[in-house]
C-alpha atoms as a PDB file:
ATOM      1  CA  UNK A   1     -91.403-124.072 155.457  1.00  0.00           C
ATOM      2  CA  UNK A   2     -90.043-127.576 154.837  1.00  0.00           C
ATOM      3  CA  UNK A   3     -86.579-128.761 155.840  1.00  0.00           C
ATOM      4  CA  UNK A   4     -85.151-128.444 152.323  1.00  0.00           C
ATOM      5  CA  UNK A   5     -86.111-124.761 152.332  1.00  0.00           C
ATOM      6  CA  UNK A   6     -84.631-124.290 155.836  1.00  0.00           C
ATOM      7  CA  UNK A   7     -81.416-126.096 154.885  1.00  0.00           C
ATOM      8  CA  UNK A   8     -79.074-123.401 153.577  1.00  0.00           C
ATOM      9  CA  UNK A   9     -76.617-126.017 152.287  1.00  0.00           C
ATOM     10  CA  UNK A  10     -78.877-126.991 149.390  1.00  0.00           C
ATOM     11  CA  UNK A  11     -77.520-123.987 147.438  1.00  0.00           C
ATOM     12  CA  UNK A  12     -74.127-125.718 147.118  1.00  0.00           C
ATOM     13  CA  UNK A  13     -74.947-129.411 146.951  1.00  0.00           C
ATOM     14  CA  UNK A  14     -77.772-131.922 146.680  1.00  0.00           C
ATOM     15  CA  UNK A  15     -79.327-133.356 149.843  1.00  0.00           C
ATOM     16  CA  UNK A  16     -81.981-136.072 149.734  1.00  0.00           C
ATOM     17  CA  UNK A  17     -83.718-136.957 152.976  1.00  0.00           C
ATOM     18  CA  UNK A  18     -83.974-140.738 153.237  1.00  0.00           C
ATOM     19  CA  UNK A  19     -85.888-140.976 156.511  1.00  0.00           C
ATOM     20  CA  UNK A  20     -86.867-139.030 159.614  1.00  0.00           C
ATOM     21  CA  UNK A  21     -88.194-140.374 162.915  1.00  0.00           C
ATOM     22  CA  UNK A  22     -88.601-139.353 166.522  1.00  0.00           C
ATOM     23  CA  UNK A  23     -85.775-140.472 168.787  1.00  0.00           C
ATOM     24  CA  UNK A  24     -86.197-142.210 172.117  1.00  0.00           C
ATOM     25  CA  UNK A  25     -84.416-139.118 173.515  1.00  0.00           C
ATOM     26  CA  UNK A  26     -86.968-136.382 174.223  1.00  0.00           C
ATOM     27  CA  UNK A  27     -86.615-133.345 171.938  1.00  0.00           C
ATOM     28  CA  UNK A  28     -84.414-135.203 169.447  1.00  0.00           C
ATOM     29  CA  UNK A  29     -85.089-136.725 166.061  1.00  0.00           C
ATOM     30  CA  UNK A  30     -83.102-139.012 163.799  1.00  0.00           C
ATOM     31  CA  UNK A  31     -82.642-137.813 160.239  1.00  0.00           C
ATOM     32  CA  UNK A  32     -80.837-139.738 157.507  1.00  0.00           C
ATOM     33  CA  UNK A  33     -79.642-137.837 154.440  1.00  0.00           C
ATOM     34  CA  UNK A  34     -77.841-138.689 151.203  1.00  0.00           C
ATOM     35  CA  UNK A  35     -75.562-135.772 150.263  1.00  0.00           C
ATOM     36  CA  UNK A  36     -74.018-135.408 146.813  1.00  0.00           C
ATOM     37  CA  UNK A  37     -71.229-132.865 146.390  1.00  0.00           C
ATOM     38  CA  UNK A  38     -70.177-131.977 142.828  1.00  0.00           C
ATOM     39  CA  UNK A  39     -66.469-132.167 141.981  1.00  0.00           C
ATOM     40  CA  UNK A  40     -64.575-129.205 143.390  1.00  0.00           C
ATOM     41  CA  UNK A  41     -67.539-127.899 145.374  1.00  0.00           C
ATOM     42  CA  UNK A  42     -67.456-127.243 149.125  1.00  0.00           C
ATOM     43  CA  UNK A  43     -70.416-127.407 151.451  1.00  0.00           C
ATOM     44  CA  UNK A  44     -69.364-124.214 153.197  1.00  0.00           C
ATOM     45  CA  UNK A  45     -68.576-124.053 156.900  1.00  0.00           C
ATOM     46  CA  UNK A  46     -71.669-125.146 158.813  1.00  0.00           C
ATOM     47  CA  UNK A  47     -72.819-126.991 161.910  1.00  0.00           C
ATOM     48  CA  UNK A  48     -75.683-129.228 163.032  1.00  0.00           C
ATOM     49  CA  UNK A  49     -77.727-129.162 166.269  1.00  0.00           C
ATOM     50  CA  UNK A  50     -76.606-132.672 167.152  1.00  0.00           C
ATOM     51  CA  UNK A  51     -74.277-135.486 166.112  1.00  0.00           C
ATOM     52  CA  UNK A  52     -73.557-136.348 162.476  1.00  0.00           C
ATOM     53  CA  UNK A  53     -72.524-139.947 161.854  1.00  0.00           C
ATOM     54  CA  UNK A  54     -71.457-140.353 158.235  1.00  0.00           C
ATOM     55  CA  UNK A  55     -70.231-142.865 155.692  1.00  0.00           C
ATOM     56  CA  UNK A  56     -68.656-142.117 152.298  1.00  0.00           C
ATOM     57  CA  UNK A  57     -70.536-144.029 149.595  1.00  0.00           C
ATOM     58  CA  UNK A  58     -68.515-142.704 146.674  1.00  0.00           C
ATOM     59  CA  UNK A  59     -65.712-140.329 145.823  1.00  0.00           C
ATOM     60  CA  UNK A  60     -63.045-138.625 147.869  1.00  0.00           C
ATOM     61  CA  UNK A  61     -64.042-135.903 150.313  1.00  0.00           C
ATOM     62  CA  UNK A  62     -61.829-133.548 152.298  1.00  0.00           C
ATOM     63  CA  UNK A  63     -63.506-132.961 155.669  1.00  0.00           C
ATOM     64  CA  UNK A  64     -62.249-129.934 157.567  1.00  0.00           C
ATOM     65  CA  UNK A  65     -63.403-129.909 161.194  1.00  0.00           C
ATOM     66  CA  UNK A  66     -62.854-126.882 163.413  1.00  0.00           C
ATOM     67  CA  UNK A  67     -60.065-127.489 165.954  1.00  0.00           C
ATOM     68  CA  UNK A  68     -59.352-130.985 164.576  1.00  0.00           C
ATOM     69  CA  UNK A  69     -57.113-132.467 161.884  1.00  0.00           C
ATOM     70  CA  UNK A  70     -58.425-132.350 158.308  1.00  0.00           C
ATOM     71  CA  UNK A  71     -59.568-135.758 157.070  1.00  0.00           C
ATOM     72  CA  UNK A  72     -59.336-137.171 153.556  1.00  0.00           C
ATOM     73  CA  UNK A  73     -62.221-139.625 153.312  1.00  0.00           C
ATOM     74  CA  UNK A  74     -62.558-142.252 150.591  1.00  0.00           C
ATOM     75  CA  UNK A  75     -65.312-144.663 149.651  1.00  0.00           C
ATOM     76  CA  UNK A  76     -65.988-146.889 152.658  1.00  0.00           C
ATOM     77  CA  UNK A  77     -64.708-144.449 155.283  1.00  0.00           C
ATOM     78  CA  UNK A  78     -66.834-143.319 158.196  1.00  0.00           C
ATOM     79  CA  UNK A  79     -66.729-140.073 160.163  1.00  0.00           C
ATOM     80  CA  UNK A  80     -68.288-138.439 163.223  1.00  0.00           C
ATOM     81  CA  UNK A  81     -68.916-134.743 163.762  1.00  0.00           C
ATOM     82  CA  UNK A  82     -69.823-133.679 167.330  1.00  0.00           C
ATOM     83  CA  UNK A  83     -72.847-131.436 167.953  1.00  0.00           C
ATOM     84  CA  UNK A  84     -72.397-127.775 167.059  1.00  0.00           C
ATOM     85  CA  UNK A  85     -68.881-128.238 165.635  1.00  0.00           C
ATOM     86  CA  UNK A  86     -68.312-126.320 162.398  1.00  0.00           C
ATOM     87  CA  UNK A  87     -67.053-128.317 159.441  1.00  0.00           C
ATOM     88  CA  UNK A  88     -66.637-128.031 155.671  1.00  0.00           C
ATOM     89  CA  UNK A  89     -66.740-130.894 153.147  1.00  0.00           C
ATOM     90  CA  UNK A  90     -65.113-130.551 149.712  1.00  0.00           C
ATOM     91  CA  UNK A  91     -65.317-133.129 146.933  1.00  0.00           C
ATOM     92  CA  UNK A  92     -61.819-133.755 145.573  1.00  0.00           C
ATOM     93  CA  UNK A  93     -63.020-135.625 142.448  1.00  0.00           C
ATOM     94  CA  UNK A  94     -62.735-137.127 139.995  1.00  0.00           C
ATOM     95  CA  UNK A  95     -66.315-138.250 140.706  1.00  0.00           C
ATOM     96  CA  UNK A  96     -69.202-136.739 142.645  1.00  0.00           C
ATOM     97  CA  UNK A  97     -68.739-137.192 146.383  1.00  0.00           C
ATOM     98  CA  UNK A  98     -71.618-139.142 147.950  1.00  0.00           C
ATOM     99  CA  UNK A  99     -72.121-139.559 151.674  1.00  0.00           C
ATOM    100  CA  UNK A 100     -74.827-141.031 153.824  1.00  0.00           C
ATOM    101  CA  UNK A 101     -75.227-139.132 157.090  1.00  0.00           C
ATOM    102  CA  UNK A 102     -77.391-139.903 160.087  1.00  0.00           C
ATOM    103  CA  UNK A 103     -78.112-137.014 162.420  1.00  0.00           C
ATOM    104  CA  UNK A 104     -79.368-137.153 165.997  1.00  0.00           C
ATOM    105  CA  UNK A 105     -80.561-133.573 166.315  1.00  0.00           C
ATOM    106  CA  UNK A 106     -82.671-131.078 168.246  1.00  0.00           C
ATOM    107  CA  UNK A 107     -86.056-131.305 166.526  1.00  0.00           C
ATOM    108  CA  UNK A 108     -86.813-127.589 167.009  1.00  0.00           C
ATOM    109  CA  UNK A 109     -83.824-126.330 164.991  1.00  0.00           C
ATOM    110  CA  UNK A 110     -82.810-126.443 161.305  1.00  0.00           C
ATOM    111  CA  UNK A 111     -80.771-129.489 160.316  1.00  0.00           C
ATOM    112  CA  UNK A 112     -77.846-127.338 159.124  1.00  0.00           C
ATOM    113  CA  UNK A 113     -76.769-123.768 159.730  1.00  0.00           C
ATOM    114  CA  UNK A 114     -74.073-121.993 157.707  1.00  0.00           C
ATOM    115  CA  UNK A 115     -71.341-120.289 159.714  1.00  0.00           C
ATOM    116  CA  UNK A 116     -71.075-116.490 159.272  1.00  0.00           C
END
């Protein structure tokens, strides 16, 4: 099974893997992904097995982060999601939300897991 098939988020939005490489930290890999969220669509509450360092390339995205203030991110804004912290991204429009995320994750687990 490839990562796109393991990534449950692909049902709601488009994710394109840009690059993947082993990290200098044992058991970790670095994955860079372009995510495109259609207008009005939410990613669904999910988490990653490591840090997500992101940058909004286009659009306006509402980023809800469990136990943290909700962020409204615009083109040019960056964000950081700690490991294992559930979050939900929603594109507010009027254009498709586009973000570039770099993950430093456990290489034995799926990149994203939806919350129950």
